[in-house]
Amino acid sequence: MNAITSAEYLTVAGAAAILNVSESTIRRWIREGVVPAYRVGRRSVRLKREDLNQQVTPLVEFERVHDEPTLAEVIEKLSRPLTEEKRRQWFAALDGAKRLADAMLAERGGELFPPSWELINQARDEWTRQLEEIHDQYKRDVE
């Protein structure tokens, strides 16, 4: 049988201090099952130091595990010149978008959409008016 030593187990606060994260992060990891926790008595929770060590991985390993490209791979991919076919497709899409925008503008009689802040203010004013009507109706019903 193994003797349990205090060096093997850490409190939530101790684990947070060692990993330099907040206690709420440790508790979230426990809740999400990222790191196993062990109940000691009714209220105390402990974490094995060994389990925490498994959560600390070099960033390169983390990126490879999650199959994310490295910065060098992204730069290399983005810096490749477009093929002639891709350039043709890009210009055709751009031309199609321009025609659609012109058609929509013509449909509106040449009038542009109002700025979004005007639409937001109109919606807010209408909502306020509706709430005032509901409030007035409630007051009449209560009286």
N, C-alpha and C. Protein backbone atom coordinates (compact mmCIF):
# COMPACT_ATOMS: atom_id res chain seq x y z
N MET A 1 0.84 -1.17 0.00
CA MET A 1 0.00 0.00 0.00
C MET A 1 0.88 1.24 0.00
N ASN A 2 0.50 2.25 -0.77
CA ASN A 2 1.26 3.48 -0.91
C ASN A 2 0.93 4.47 0.19
N ALA A 3 1.93 5.09 0.72
CA ALA A 3 1.70 6.16 1.69
C ALA A 3 1.50 7.44 0.90
N ILE A 4 0.46 8.19 1.25
CA ILE A 4 0.17 9.44 0.55
C ILE A 4 1.00 10.54 1.18
N THR A 5 1.76 11.24 0.33
CA THR A 5 2.56 12.34 0.83
C THR A 5 1.95 13.65 0.36
N SER A 6 2.15 14.70 1.13
CA SER A 6 1.58 16.00 0.78
C SER A 6 2.22 16.56 -0.49
N ALA A 7 3.41 16.07 -0.84
CA ALA A 7 4.08 16.56 -2.04
C ALA A 7 3.39 16.04 -3.31
N GLU A 8 2.65 14.92 -3.21
CA GLU A 8 1.99 14.35 -4.38
C GLU A 8 0.73 15.12 -4.75
N TYR A 9 0.04 15.70 -3.76
CA TYR A 9 -1.25 16.33 -3.98
C TYR A 9 -1.18 17.83 -3.68
N LEU A 10 -1.93 18.58 -4.47
CA LEU A 10 -1.96 20.04 -4.30
C LEU A 10 -3.40 20.50 -4.11
N THR A 11 -3.58 21.59 -3.39
CA THR A 11 -4.89 22.22 -3.32
C THR A 11 -5.15 22.96 -4.63
N VAL A 12 -6.37 23.41 -4.82
CA VAL A 12 -6.70 24.19 -6.01
C VAL A 12 -5.85 25.46 -6.03
N ALA A 13 -5.74 26.10 -4.88
CA ALA A 13 -4.93 27.32 -4.80
C ALA A 13 -3.47 27.03 -5.10
N GLY A 14 -2.95 25.93 -4.58
CA GLY A 14 -1.56 25.56 -4.84
C GLY A 14 -1.31 25.27 -6.31
N ALA A 15 -2.24 24.54 -6.93
CA ALA A 15 -2.10 24.22 -8.36
C ALA A 15 -2.15 25.50 -9.19
N ALA A 16 -3.06 26.41 -8.83
CA ALA A 16 -3.17 27.68 -9.56
C ALA A 16 -1.89 28.49 -9.43
N ALA A 17 -1.32 28.51 -8.24
CA ALA A 17 -0.09 29.27 -8.02
C ALA A 17 1.07 28.68 -8.82
N ILE A 18 1.17 27.37 -8.85
CA ILE A 18 2.26 26.72 -9.57
C ILE A 18 2.16 26.98 -11.07
N LEU A 19 0.94 26.90 -11.63
CA LEU A 19 0.76 27.09 -13.07
C LEU A 19 0.54 28.55 -13.46
N ASN A 20 0.47 29.41 -12.45
CA ASN A 20 0.27 30.85 -12.68
C ASN A 20 -1.02 31.12 -13.45
N VAL A 21 -2.11 30.45 -13.02
CA VAL A 21 -3.44 30.68 -13.56
C VAL A 21 -4.36 30.95 -12.37
N SER A 22 -5.57 31.37 -12.64
CA SER A 22 -6.49 31.64 -11.54
C SER A 22 -7.08 30.34 -11.01
N GLU A 23 -7.58 30.42 -9.78
CA GLU A 23 -8.23 29.25 -9.18
C GLU A 23 -9.46 28.86 -9.99
N SER A 24 -10.16 29.86 -10.55
CA SER A 24 -11.36 29.54 -11.35
C SER A 24 -10.98 28.74 -12.60
N THR A 25 -9.80 28.98 -13.14
CA THR A 25 -9.34 28.19 -14.29
C THR A 25 -9.13 26.74 -13.89
N ILE A 26 -8.50 26.53 -12.75
CA ILE A 26 -8.30 25.16 -12.25
C ILE A 26 -9.64 24.49 -12.02
N ARG A 27 -10.58 25.20 -11.40
CA ARG A 27 -11.91 24.63 -11.14
C ARG A 27 -12.64 24.31 -12.45
N ARG A 28 -12.48 25.18 -13.46
CA ARG A 28 -13.09 24.91 -14.77
C ARG A 28 -12.47 23.66 -15.40
N TRP A 29 -11.15 23.53 -15.31
CA TRP A 29 -10.49 22.34 -15.85
C TRP A 29 -11.02 21.08 -15.17
N ILE A 30 -11.22 21.17 -13.86
CA ILE A 30 -11.75 20.02 -13.12
C ILE A 30 -13.16 19.70 -13.62
N ARG A 31 -14.00 20.73 -13.71
CA ARG A 31 -15.40 20.56 -14.14
C ARG A 31 -15.47 19.99 -15.56
N GLU A 32 -14.57 20.43 -16.45
CA GLU A 32 -14.58 19.97 -17.84
C GLU A 32 -13.86 18.64 -18.02
N GLY A 33 -13.25 18.13 -16.96
CA GLY A 33 -12.55 16.85 -17.04
C GLY A 33 -11.17 16.93 -17.66
N VAL A 34 -10.64 18.14 -17.78
CA VAL A 34 -9.30 18.32 -18.34
C VAL A 34 -8.26 17.76 -17.39
N VAL A 35 -8.49 17.97 -16.11
CA VAL A 35 -7.56 17.50 -15.10
C VAL A 35 -8.38 16.76 -14.03
N PRO A 36 -7.96 15.56 -13.66
CA PRO A 36 -8.70 14.84 -12.63
C PRO A 36 -8.46 15.44 -11.24
N ALA A 37 -9.50 15.39 -10.42
CA ALA A 37 -9.39 15.90 -9.06
C ALA A 37 -9.88 14.82 -8.11
N TYR A 38 -9.45 14.94 -6.87
CA TYR A 38 -9.76 13.93 -5.87
C TYR A 38 -10.33 14.61 -4.64
N ARG A 39 -11.43 14.07 -4.15
CA ARG A 39 -12.06 14.63 -2.97
C ARG A 39 -11.39 14.05 -1.73
N VAL A 40 -11.10 14.92 -0.79
CA VAL A 40 -10.51 14.51 0.48
C VAL A 40 -11.50 14.98 1.56
N GLY A 41 -12.20 14.04 2.15
CA GLY A 41 -13.25 14.43 3.09
C GLY A 41 -14.44 14.97 2.31
N ARG A 42 -15.26 15.77 3.00
CA ARG A 42 -16.48 16.27 2.36
C ARG A 42 -16.24 17.47 1.46
N ARG A 43 -15.32 18.34 1.83
CA ARG A 43 -15.20 19.61 1.11
C ARG A 43 -13.88 19.84 0.40
N SER A 44 -12.85 19.17 0.80
CA SER A 44 -11.53 19.45 0.24
C SER A 44 -11.33 18.72 -1.10
N VAL A 45 -10.68 19.42 -2.01
CA VAL A 45 -10.36 18.86 -3.32
C VAL A 45 -8.85 18.95 -3.51
N ARG A 46 -8.26 17.89 -4.03
CA ARG A 46 -6.82 17.89 -4.29
C ARG A 46 -6.57 17.43 -5.72
N LEU A 47 -5.44 17.86 -6.24
CA LEU A 47 -5.01 17.47 -7.58
C LEU A 47 -3.63 16.84 -7.48
N LYS A 48 -3.41 15.81 -8.26
CA LYS A 48 -2.09 15.19 -8.27
C LYS A 48 -1.14 16.07 -9.07
N ARG A 49 0.04 16.27 -8.53
CA ARG A 49 1.07 17.04 -9.21
C ARG A 49 1.38 16.42 -10.57
N GLU A 50 1.39 15.10 -10.62
CA GLU A 50 1.68 14.37 -11.86
C GLU A 50 0.63 14.69 -12.94
N ASP A 51 -0.65 14.79 -12.55
CA ASP A 51 -1.72 15.13 -13.51
C ASP A 51 -1.53 16.53 -14.05
N LEU A 52 -1.10 17.46 -13.21
CA LEU A 52 -0.87 18.83 -13.64
C LEU A 52 0.31 18.90 -14.60
N ASN A 53 1.35 18.11 -14.32
CA ASN A 53 2.51 18.11 -15.21
C ASN A 53 2.13 17.70 -16.62
N GLN A 54 1.13 16.84 -16.77
CA GLN A 54 0.69 16.40 -18.10
C GLN A 54 -0.02 17.52 -18.86
N GLN A 55 -0.51 18.53 -18.15
CA GLN A 55 -1.19 19.65 -18.80
C GLN A 55 -0.21 20.68 -19.36
N VAL A 56 1.03 20.61 -18.91
CA VAL A 56 2.04 21.56 -19.38
C VAL A 56 2.79 20.90 -20.54
N THR A 57 2.55 21.43 -21.76
CA THR A 57 3.21 20.89 -22.94
C THR A 57 3.81 22.03 -23.73
N PRO A 58 4.90 21.80 -24.40
CA PRO A 58 5.47 22.84 -25.26
C PRO A 58 4.47 23.26 -26.33
N LEU A 59 4.47 24.52 -26.68
CA LEU A 59 3.51 25.06 -27.63
C LEU A 59 3.59 24.35 -28.98
N VAL A 60 4.78 24.01 -29.42
CA VAL A 60 4.93 23.33 -30.70
C VAL A 60 4.20 22.00 -30.68
N GLU A 61 4.34 21.25 -29.57
CA GLU A 61 3.63 19.98 -29.45
C GLU A 61 2.13 20.21 -29.47
N PHE A 62 1.67 21.26 -28.76
CA PHE A 62 0.25 21.57 -28.70
C PHE A 62 -0.29 21.85 -30.10
N GLU A 63 0.43 22.65 -30.87
CA GLU A 63 -0.01 22.97 -32.22
C GLU A 63 -0.05 21.72 -33.09
N ARG A 64 0.95 20.87 -32.95
CA ARG A 64 0.98 19.66 -33.76
C ARG A 64 -0.14 18.71 -33.36
N VAL A 65 -0.41 18.60 -32.07
CA VAL A 65 -1.48 17.72 -31.61
C VAL A 65 -2.81 18.18 -32.18
N HIS A 66 -3.00 19.50 -32.25
CA HIS A 66 -4.26 20.05 -32.73
C HIS A 66 -4.22 20.30 -34.24
N ASP A 67 -3.19 19.82 -34.90
CA ASP A 67 -3.07 19.87 -36.35
C ASP A 67 -3.21 21.28 -36.92
N GLU A 68 -2.63 22.24 -36.23
CA GLU A 68 -2.64 23.61 -36.73
C GLU A 68 -1.32 23.87 -37.45
N PRO A 69 -1.38 24.59 -38.57
CA PRO A 69 -0.13 24.88 -39.28
C PRO A 69 0.74 25.86 -38.50
N THR A 70 2.03 25.76 -38.72
CA THR A 70 2.94 26.71 -38.08
C THR A 70 2.87 28.03 -38.84
N LEU A 71 3.41 29.07 -38.26
CA LEU A 71 3.42 30.38 -38.90
C LEU A 71 4.17 30.32 -40.23
N ALA A 72 5.27 29.61 -40.25
CA ALA A 72 6.05 29.48 -41.48
C ALA A 72 5.23 28.81 -42.58
N GLU A 73 4.45 27.79 -42.23
CA GLU A 73 3.60 27.11 -43.22
C GLU A 73 2.52 28.04 -43.76
N VAL A 74 1.94 28.85 -42.89
CA VAL A 74 0.90 29.79 -43.32
C VAL A 74 1.49 30.83 -44.25
N ILE A 75 2.64 31.39 -43.89
CA ILE A 75 3.29 32.40 -44.74
C ILE A 75 3.65 31.81 -46.09
N GLU A 76 4.17 30.60 -46.09
CA GLU A 76 4.54 29.95 -47.35
C GLU A 76 3.32 29.75 -48.24
N LYS A 77 2.21 29.33 -47.65
CA LYS A 77 0.99 29.09 -48.43
C LYS A 77 0.42 30.40 -48.98
N LEU A 78 0.44 31.45 -48.17
CA LEU A 78 -0.13 32.73 -48.60
C LEU A 78 0.75 33.46 -49.61
N SER A 79 2.01 33.16 -49.62
CA SER A 79 2.92 33.89 -50.50
C SER A 79 3.03 33.27 -51.89
N ARG A 80 2.37 32.13 -52.11
CA ARG A 80 2.39 31.53 -53.44
C ARG A 80 1.59 32.39 -54.41
N PRO A 81 2.08 32.61 -55.62
CA PRO A 81 1.30 33.39 -56.59
C PRO A 81 0.07 32.60 -57.04
N LEU A 82 -1.00 33.33 -57.39
CA LEU A 82 -2.20 32.69 -57.88
C LEU A 82 -1.97 32.13 -59.28
N THR A 83 -2.59 31.02 -59.55
CA THR A 83 -2.53 30.49 -60.91
C THR A 83 -3.40 31.37 -61.80
N GLU A 84 -3.22 31.25 -63.07
CA GLU A 84 -4.01 32.04 -64.02
C GLU A 84 -5.50 31.73 -63.87
N GLU A 85 -5.81 30.45 -63.65
CA GLU A 85 -7.22 30.04 -63.46
C GLU A 85 -7.81 30.68 -62.21
N LYS A 86 -7.06 30.69 -61.11
CA LYS A 86 -7.54 31.31 -59.86
C LYS A 86 -7.73 32.81 -60.04
N ARG A 87 -6.83 33.45 -60.76
CA ARG A 87 -6.96 34.89 -61.02
C ARG A 87 -8.22 35.16 -61.83
N ARG A 88 -8.48 34.33 -62.83
CA ARG A 88 -9.68 34.49 -63.65
C ARG A 88 -10.93 34.33 -62.80
N GLN A 89 -10.95 33.30 -61.93
CA GLN A 89 -12.09 33.08 -61.04
C GLN A 89 -12.28 34.26 -60.09
N TRP A 90 -11.19 34.78 -59.56
CA TRP A 90 -11.25 35.90 -58.62
C TRP A 90 -11.85 37.13 -59.30
N PHE A 91 -11.38 37.45 -60.50
CA PHE A 91 -11.89 38.62 -61.21
C PHE A 91 -13.35 38.43 -61.62
N ALA A 92 -13.74 37.21 -61.98
CA ALA A 92 -15.13 36.93 -62.32
C ALA A 92 -16.03 37.12 -61.10
N ALA A 93 -15.58 36.65 -59.94
CA ALA A 93 -16.36 36.83 -58.71
C ALA A 93 -16.47 38.30 -58.36
N LEU A 94 -15.39 39.04 -58.50
CA LEU A 94 -15.39 40.47 -58.21
C LEU A 94 -16.35 41.20 -59.15
N ASP A 95 -16.33 40.83 -60.42
CA ASP A 95 -17.24 41.43 -61.40
C ASP A 95 -18.69 41.10 -61.06
N GLY A 96 -18.95 39.86 -60.67
CA GLY A 96 -20.31 39.46 -60.27
C GLY A 96 -20.80 40.23 -59.06
N ALA A 97 -19.93 40.45 -58.08
CA ALA A 97 -20.30 41.21 -56.89
C ALA A 97 -20.61 42.66 -57.26
N LYS A 98 -19.85 43.23 -58.16
CA LYS A 98 -20.08 44.60 -58.62
C LYS A 98 -21.42 44.72 -59.32
N ARG A 99 -21.74 43.74 -60.21
CA ARG A 99 -23.03 43.75 -60.91
C ARG A 99 -24.19 43.63 -59.92
N LEU A 100 -24.04 42.76 -58.90
CA LEU A 100 -25.08 42.58 -57.90
C LEU A 100 -25.30 43.87 -57.11
N ALA A 101 -24.21 44.53 -56.71
CA ALA A 101 -24.32 45.79 -55.97
C ALA A 101 -25.01 46.85 -56.82
N ASP A 102 -24.67 46.92 -58.10
CA ASP A 102 -25.31 47.89 -59.00
C ASP A 102 -26.79 47.59 -59.15
N ALA A 103 -27.15 46.31 -59.28
CA ALA A 103 -28.56 45.92 -59.42
C ALA A 103 -29.34 46.27 -58.16
N MET A 104 -28.76 46.02 -56.99
CA MET A 104 -29.44 46.34 -55.74
C MET A 104 -29.64 47.85 -55.60
N LEU A 105 -28.65 48.61 -55.99
CA LEU A 105 -28.75 50.07 -55.92
C LEU A 105 -29.82 50.57 -56.88
N ALA A 106 -29.88 49.99 -58.08
CA ALA A 106 -30.90 50.38 -59.05
C ALA A 106 -32.29 50.03 -58.53
N GLU A 107 -32.41 48.88 -57.88
CA GLU A 107 -33.67 48.43 -57.29
C GLU A 107 -34.18 49.42 -56.24
N ARG A 108 -33.25 50.05 -55.54
CA ARG A 108 -33.60 51.02 -54.49
C ARG A 108 -33.71 52.44 -55.07
N GLY A 109 -33.73 52.56 -56.39
CA GLY A 109 -33.84 53.87 -57.01
C GLY A 109 -32.60 54.72 -56.83
N GLY A 110 -31.45 54.09 -56.70
CA GLY A 110 -30.20 54.81 -56.55
C GLY A 110 -29.94 55.30 -55.13
N GLU A 111 -30.86 54.96 -54.21
CA GLU A 111 -30.71 55.42 -52.83
C GLU A 111 -29.92 54.40 -52.01
N LEU A 112 -28.90 54.87 -51.32
CA LEU A 112 -28.08 53.98 -50.49
C LEU A 112 -28.82 53.63 -49.21
N PHE A 113 -28.40 52.56 -48.57
CA PHE A 113 -28.95 52.21 -47.27
C PHE A 113 -28.56 53.28 -46.27
N PRO A 114 -29.43 53.55 -45.29
CA PRO A 114 -29.07 54.53 -44.27
C PRO A 114 -27.95 53.97 -43.39
N PRO A 115 -27.23 54.85 -42.71
CA PRO A 115 -26.19 54.37 -41.80
C PRO A 115 -26.79 53.49 -40.70
N SER A 116 -26.02 52.52 -40.22
CA SER A 116 -26.55 51.57 -39.24
C SER A 116 -26.99 52.26 -37.95
N TRP A 117 -26.32 53.35 -37.56
CA TRP A 117 -26.71 54.00 -36.30
C TRP A 117 -28.12 54.57 -36.41
N GLU A 118 -28.54 54.99 -37.61
CA GLU A 118 -29.91 55.48 -37.77
C GLU A 118 -30.92 54.34 -37.59
N LEU A 119 -30.61 53.20 -38.18
CA LEU A 119 -31.50 52.04 -38.05
C LEU A 119 -31.59 51.57 -36.61
N ILE A 120 -30.46 51.58 -35.91
CA ILE A 120 -30.45 51.17 -34.50
C ILE A 120 -31.29 52.14 -33.67
N ASN A 121 -31.14 53.45 -33.91
CA ASN A 121 -31.93 54.44 -33.16
C ASN A 121 -33.41 54.27 -33.45
N GLN A 122 -33.78 54.03 -34.70
CA GLN A 122 -35.19 53.83 -35.04
C GLN A 122 -35.75 52.60 -34.32
N ALA A 123 -34.99 51.51 -34.32
CA ALA A 123 -35.44 50.30 -33.65
C ALA A 123 -35.58 50.52 -32.15
N ARG A 124 -34.63 51.24 -31.55
CA ARG A 124 -34.70 51.52 -30.12
C ARG A 124 -35.91 52.39 -29.79
N ASP A 125 -36.17 53.41 -30.62
CA ASP A 125 -37.32 54.28 -30.39
C ASP A 125 -38.63 53.49 -30.49
N GLU A 126 -38.72 52.61 -31.48
CA GLU A 126 -39.93 51.80 -31.64
C GLU A 126 -40.12 50.87 -30.44
N TRP A 127 -39.05 50.28 -29.97
CA TRP A 127 -39.11 49.37 -28.83
C TRP A 127 -39.56 50.14 -27.58
N THR A 128 -39.00 51.32 -27.39
CA THR A 128 -39.38 52.16 -26.25
C THR A 128 -40.87 52.51 -26.33
N ARG A 129 -41.34 52.87 -27.52
CA ARG A 129 -42.75 53.20 -27.70
C ARG A 129 -43.64 52.00 -27.34
N GLN A 130 -43.26 50.81 -27.80
CA GLN A 130 -44.04 49.61 -27.50
C GLN A 130 -44.05 49.32 -26.00
N LEU A 131 -42.91 49.47 -25.35
CA LEU A 131 -42.84 49.24 -23.90
C LEU A 131 -43.71 50.24 -23.15
N GLU A 132 -43.72 51.48 -23.58
CA GLU A 132 -44.56 52.49 -22.94
C GLU A 132 -46.04 52.14 -23.10
N GLU A 133 -46.43 51.65 -24.28
CA GLU A 133 -47.81 51.23 -24.49
C GLU A 133 -48.18 50.08 -23.56
N ILE A 134 -47.29 49.11 -23.45
CA ILE A 134 -47.54 47.96 -22.56
C ILE A 134 -47.66 48.44 -21.12
N HIS A 135 -46.79 49.35 -20.71
CA HIS A 135 -46.82 49.87 -19.35
C HIS A 135 -48.12 50.64 -19.09
N ASP A 136 -48.53 51.46 -20.05
CA ASP A 136 -49.77 52.22 -19.89
C ASP A 136 -50.97 51.27 -19.80
N GLN A 137 -50.98 50.23 -20.63
CA GLN A 137 -52.08 49.26 -20.59
C GLN A 137 -52.10 48.54 -19.25
N TYR A 138 -50.94 48.20 -18.72
CA TYR A 138 -50.84 47.54 -17.42
C TYR A 138 -51.40 48.44 -16.33
N LYS A 139 -51.03 49.72 -16.36
CA LYS A 139 -51.53 50.66 -15.35
C LYS A 139 -53.05 50.78 -15.42
N ARG A 140 -53.61 50.82 -16.64
CA ARG A 140 -55.07 50.91 -16.79
C ARG A 140 -55.74 49.64 -16.25
N ASP A 141 -55.12 48.46 -16.50
CA ASP A 141 -55.69 47.19 -16.03
C ASP A 141 -55.66 47.09 -14.51
N VAL A 142 -54.61 47.63 -13.89
CA VAL A 142 -54.45 47.54 -12.44
C VAL A 142 -55.43 48.47 -11.74
N GLU A 143 -55.70 49.62 -12.33
CA GLU A 143 -56.60 50.61 -11.69
C GLU A 143 -58.03 50.22 -11.71
